[in-house]
């Protein structure tokens, strides 16, 4: 997964940077029947290392889902996006912060959380779909 080596960045005097990457999302995150990820998750991130060695991560993720519409079962595909806003600390932080050790920030958890928050409750085709004939009586 995507990592930031805080020690190397500080040694180079690099206190901020940008990361653009793609990764495969775990299909087990999806709870919508007959739907799957149809693209890798694209992440555009910015990080800043503070004086206390905390690392702020901000940015956006984008991914596509394809599968059966939750209403009419027609095949559909849609793109979704979500925000990334995380803070990594070395130790002794509030519960909403992520922790890192060994001078390396592993972004796996915050990116997984961002994908989960961006997932829809259901996938709909967006058309004026009607229920299947077998449901209408």
C-alpha atoms as a PDB file:
ATOM      1  CA  UNK A   1       0.000   0.000   0.000  1.00  0.00           C
ATOM      2  CA  UNK A   2       0.995   3.636   0.025  1.00  0.00           C
ATOM      3  CA  UNK A   3       3.509   4.744   2.639  1.00  0.00           C
ATOM      4  CA  UNK A   4       5.243   7.969   3.636  1.00  0.00           C
ATOM      5  CA  UNK A   5       8.707   7.677   5.160  1.00  0.00           C
ATOM      6  CA  UNK A   6       8.643  10.591   7.599  1.00  0.00           C
ATOM      7  CA  UNK A   7      12.316  10.196   8.579  1.00  0.00           C
ATOM      8  CA  UNK A   8      13.528  10.408   4.979  1.00  0.00           C
ATOM      9  CA  UNK A   9      11.268  13.346   4.213  1.00  0.00           C
ATOM     10  CA  UNK A  10      12.525  15.277   7.246  1.00  0.00           C
ATOM     11  CA  UNK A  11      16.146  14.446   6.405  1.00  0.00           C
ATOM     12  CA  UNK A  12      15.586  16.000   2.955  1.00  0.00           C
ATOM     13  CA  UNK A  13      13.853  19.025   4.468  1.00  0.00           C
ATOM     14  CA  UNK A  14      10.613  18.038   2.737  1.00  0.00           C
ATOM     15  CA  UNK A  15       7.779  18.928   5.120  1.00  0.00           C
ATOM     16  CA  UNK A  16       4.974  18.585   2.571  1.00  0.00           C
ATOM     17  CA  UNK A  17       4.258  16.741  -0.627  1.00  0.00           C
ATOM     18  CA  UNK A  18       1.698  15.348  -3.016  1.00  0.00           C
ATOM     19  CA  UNK A  19       0.912  11.743  -3.816  1.00  0.00           C
ATOM     20  CA  UNK A  20      -1.110  10.519  -6.778  1.00  0.00           C
ATOM     21  CA  UNK A  21      -1.668   6.799  -6.890  1.00  0.00           C
ATOM     22  CA  UNK A  22      -4.113   4.010  -7.643  1.00  0.00           C
ATOM     23  CA  UNK A  23      -4.877   0.874  -5.667  1.00  0.00           C
ATOM     24  CA  UNK A  24      -7.315  -2.025  -5.761  1.00  0.00           C
ATOM     25  CA  UNK A  25     -10.070  -1.734  -3.178  1.00  0.00           C
ATOM     26  CA  UNK A  26     -10.994  -4.784  -1.148  1.00  0.00           C
ATOM     27  CA  UNK A  27     -14.206  -6.217  -2.610  1.00  0.00           C
ATOM     28  CA  UNK A  28     -15.302  -7.316   0.853  1.00  0.00           C
ATOM     29  CA  UNK A  29     -16.064  -3.649   1.629  1.00  0.00           C
ATOM     30  CA  UNK A  30     -19.095  -3.845  -0.663  1.00  0.00           C
ATOM     31  CA  UNK A  31     -22.377  -4.837   0.930  1.00  0.00           C
ATOM     32  CA  UNK A  32     -24.500  -4.180  -2.172  1.00  0.00           C
ATOM     33  CA  UNK A  33     -25.552  -7.436  -3.870  1.00  0.00           C
ATOM     34  CA  UNK A  34     -24.314  -8.022  -7.443  1.00  0.00           C
ATOM     35  CA  UNK A  35     -21.974  -4.996  -7.403  1.00  0.00           C
ATOM     36  CA  UNK A  36     -18.200  -4.830  -7.735  1.00  0.00           C
ATOM     37  CA  UNK A  37     -15.434  -2.264  -8.121  1.00  0.00           C
ATOM     38  CA  UNK A  38     -14.931  -1.652 -11.847  1.00  0.00           C
ATOM     39  CA  UNK A  39     -11.828   0.501 -11.510  1.00  0.00           C
ATOM     40  CA  UNK A  40      -8.943   0.945  -9.142  1.00  0.00           C
ATOM     41  CA  UNK A  41      -9.344   3.646  -6.526  1.00  0.00           C
ATOM     42  CA  UNK A  42      -7.537   6.799  -7.654  1.00  0.00           C
ATOM     43  CA  UNK A  43      -6.141   8.882  -4.796  1.00  0.00           C
ATOM     44  CA  UNK A  44      -4.865  12.460  -5.029  1.00  0.00           C
ATOM     45  CA  UNK A  45      -3.366  13.270  -1.638  1.00  0.00           C
ATOM     46  CA  UNK A  46      -1.414  16.040   0.037  1.00  0.00           C
ATOM     47  CA  UNK A  47       0.597  15.545   3.223  1.00  0.00           C
ATOM     48  CA  UNK A  48       2.190  17.927   5.686  1.00  0.00           C
ATOM     49  CA  UNK A  49       4.562  16.992   8.495  1.00  0.00           C
ATOM     50  CA  UNK A  50       4.175  19.216  11.565  1.00  0.00           C
ATOM     51  CA  UNK A  51       6.825  20.104  14.153  1.00  0.00           C
ATOM     52  CA  UNK A  52       5.513  17.438  16.545  1.00  0.00           C
ATOM     53  CA  UNK A  53       6.021  14.785  13.801  1.00  0.00           C
ATOM     54  CA  UNK A  54       2.280  14.452  13.241  1.00  0.00           C
ATOM     55  CA  UNK A  55       1.309  14.011   9.591  1.00  0.00           C
ATOM     56  CA  UNK A  56      -1.829  15.585   8.127  1.00  0.00           C
ATOM     57  CA  UNK A  57      -3.272  13.873   5.056  1.00  0.00           C
ATOM     58  CA  UNK A  58      -5.907  15.560   2.884  1.00  0.00           C
ATOM     59  CA  UNK A  59      -7.211  14.826  -0.570  1.00  0.00           C
ATOM     60  CA  UNK A  60      -9.746  12.965  -2.624  1.00  0.00           C
ATOM     61  CA  UNK A  61     -10.417   9.427  -3.783  1.00  0.00           C
ATOM     62  CA  UNK A  62     -12.410   8.366  -6.846  1.00  0.00           C
ATOM     63  CA  UNK A  63     -13.640   4.931  -7.945  1.00  0.00           C
ATOM     64  CA  UNK A  64     -16.308   3.266 -10.078  1.00  0.00           C
ATOM     65  CA  UNK A  65     -18.818   0.562  -9.238  1.00  0.00           C
ATOM     66  CA  UNK A  66     -20.672  -1.643 -11.695  1.00  0.00           C
ATOM     67  CA  UNK A  67     -23.410  -4.151 -11.264  1.00  0.00           C
ATOM     68  CA  UNK A  68     -27.145  -4.564 -11.056  1.00  0.00           C
ATOM     69  CA  UNK A  69     -29.306  -1.552 -10.238  1.00  0.00           C
ATOM     70  CA  UNK A  70     -30.743  -2.052  -6.763  1.00  0.00           C
ATOM     71  CA  UNK A  71     -34.225  -1.157  -8.079  1.00  0.00           C
ATOM     72  CA  UNK A  72     -34.634  -2.605 -11.581  1.00  0.00           C
ATOM     73  CA  UNK A  73     -31.607  -4.951 -11.844  1.00  0.00           C
ATOM     74  CA  UNK A  74     -30.375  -3.335 -15.103  1.00  0.00           C
ATOM     75  CA  UNK A  75     -26.604  -3.331 -15.519  1.00  0.00           C
ATOM     76  CA  UNK A  76     -25.190   0.067 -14.520  1.00  0.00           C
ATOM     77  CA  UNK A  77     -21.896   1.760 -13.686  1.00  0.00           C
ATOM     78  CA  UNK A  78     -21.283   4.900 -11.654  1.00  0.00           C
ATOM     79  CA  UNK A  79     -18.309   6.847 -10.367  1.00  0.00           C
ATOM     80  CA  UNK A  80     -18.079   7.961  -6.748  1.00  0.00           C
ATOM     81  CA  UNK A  81     -15.684  10.226  -4.898  1.00  0.00           C
ATOM     82  CA  UNK A  82     -14.833  10.890  -1.305  1.00  0.00           C
ATOM     83  CA  UNK A  83     -12.673  13.094   0.853  1.00  0.00           C
ATOM     84  CA  UNK A  84      -9.558  12.037   2.726  1.00  0.00           C
ATOM     85  CA  UNK A  85      -8.845  13.931   5.940  1.00  0.00           C
ATOM     86  CA  UNK A  86      -6.622  12.110   8.406  1.00  0.00           C
ATOM     87  CA  UNK A  87      -4.005  12.829  11.027  1.00  0.00           C
ATOM     88  CA  UNK A  88      -1.238  10.400  11.971  1.00  0.00           C
ATOM     89  CA  UNK A  89       0.622  10.741  15.259  1.00  0.00           C
ATOM     90  CA  UNK A  90       3.435   8.872  16.944  1.00  0.00           C
ATOM     91  CA  UNK A  91       1.791   8.331  20.326  1.00  0.00           C
ATOM     92  CA  UNK A  92      -0.694   9.536  22.910  1.00  0.00           C
ATOM     93  CA  UNK A  93      -3.425  10.886  20.658  1.00  0.00           C
ATOM     94  CA  UNK A  94      -7.168  11.205  20.586  1.00  0.00           C
ATOM     95  CA  UNK A  95      -9.187   8.295  19.243  1.00  0.00           C
ATOM     96  CA  UNK A  96      -9.866   9.952  15.889  1.00  0.00           C
ATOM     97  CA  UNK A  97      -6.136  10.055  15.036  1.00  0.00           C
ATOM     98  CA  UNK A  98      -4.260   7.228  13.319  1.00  0.00           C
ATOM     99  CA  UNK A  99      -0.949   6.107  14.774  1.00  0.00           C
ATOM    100  CA  UNK A 100       2.331   5.299  13.070  1.00  0.00           C
ATOM    101  CA  UNK A 101       5.567   3.705  14.246  1.00  0.00           C
ATOM    102  CA  UNK A 102       9.080   3.321  12.945  1.00  0.00           C
ATOM    103  CA  UNK A 103       8.975   6.661  11.154  1.00  0.00           C
ATOM    104  CA  UNK A 104       6.732   5.285   8.389  1.00  0.00           C
ATOM    105  CA  UNK A 105       3.095   6.252   7.826  1.00  0.00           C
ATOM    106  CA  UNK A 106       1.058   3.468   6.198  1.00  0.00           C
ATOM    107  CA  UNK A 107      -1.977   5.055   4.561  1.00  0.00           C
ATOM    108  CA  UNK A 108      -3.885   1.756   4.227  1.00  0.00           C
ATOM    109  CA  UNK A 109      -6.302   2.357   7.098  1.00  0.00           C
ATOM    110  CA  UNK A 110      -7.245   5.937   6.235  1.00  0.00           C
ATOM    111  CA  UNK A 111      -7.724   5.068   2.545  1.00  0.00           C
ATOM    112  CA  UNK A 112      -9.857   2.052   3.416  1.00  0.00           C
ATOM    113  CA  UNK A 113     -11.951   4.262   5.719  1.00  0.00           C
ATOM    114  CA  UNK A 114     -12.316   6.902   2.969  1.00  0.00           C
ATOM    115  CA  UNK A 115     -13.553   4.262   0.514  1.00  0.00           C
ATOM    116  CA  UNK A 116     -16.054   2.910   3.055  1.00  0.00           C
ATOM    117  CA  UNK A 117     -17.405   6.419   3.715  1.00  0.00           C
ATOM    118  CA  UNK A 118     -17.773   7.114  -0.025  1.00  0.00           C
ATOM    119  CA  UNK A 119     -19.664   3.901  -0.783  1.00  0.00           C
ATOM    120  CA  UNK A 120     -23.353   4.335  -1.556  1.00  0.00           C
ATOM    121  CA  UNK A 121     -26.060   2.418   0.300  1.00  0.00           C
ATOM    122  CA  UNK A 122     -27.222   1.023  -3.050  1.00  0.00           C
ATOM    123  CA  UNK A 123     -26.359   1.304  -6.730  1.00  0.00           C
ATOM    124  CA  UNK A 124     -29.059   2.785  -8.940  1.00  0.00           C
ATOM    125  CA  UNK A 125     -29.072   3.192 -12.701  1.00  0.00           C
ATOM    126  CA  UNK A 126     -30.219   6.809 -12.460  1.00  0.00           C
ATOM    127  CA  UNK A 127     -32.837   6.296 -15.136  1.00  0.00           C
ATOM    128  CA  UNK A 128     -36.538   6.395 -14.484  1.00  0.00           C
ATOM    129  CA  UNK A 129     -36.413   2.699 -13.738  1.00  0.00           C
ATOM    130  CA  UNK A 130     -39.421   0.709 -12.704  1.00  0.00           C
ATOM    131  CA  UNK A 131     -39.624  -2.371 -10.587  1.00  0.00           C
ATOM    132  CA  UNK A 132     -39.398  -5.690 -12.454  1.00  0.00           C
ATOM    133  CA  UNK A 133     -42.726  -7.106 -13.656  1.00  0.00           C
ATOM    134  CA  UNK A 134     -42.641  -9.878 -11.069  1.00  0.00           C
ATOM    135  CA  UNK A 135     -42.709  -7.208  -8.276  1.00  0.00           C
ATOM    136  CA  UNK A 136     -45.656  -5.169  -9.619  1.00  0.00           C
ATOM    137  CA  UNK A 137     -48.592  -7.260  -8.452  1.00  0.00           C
END
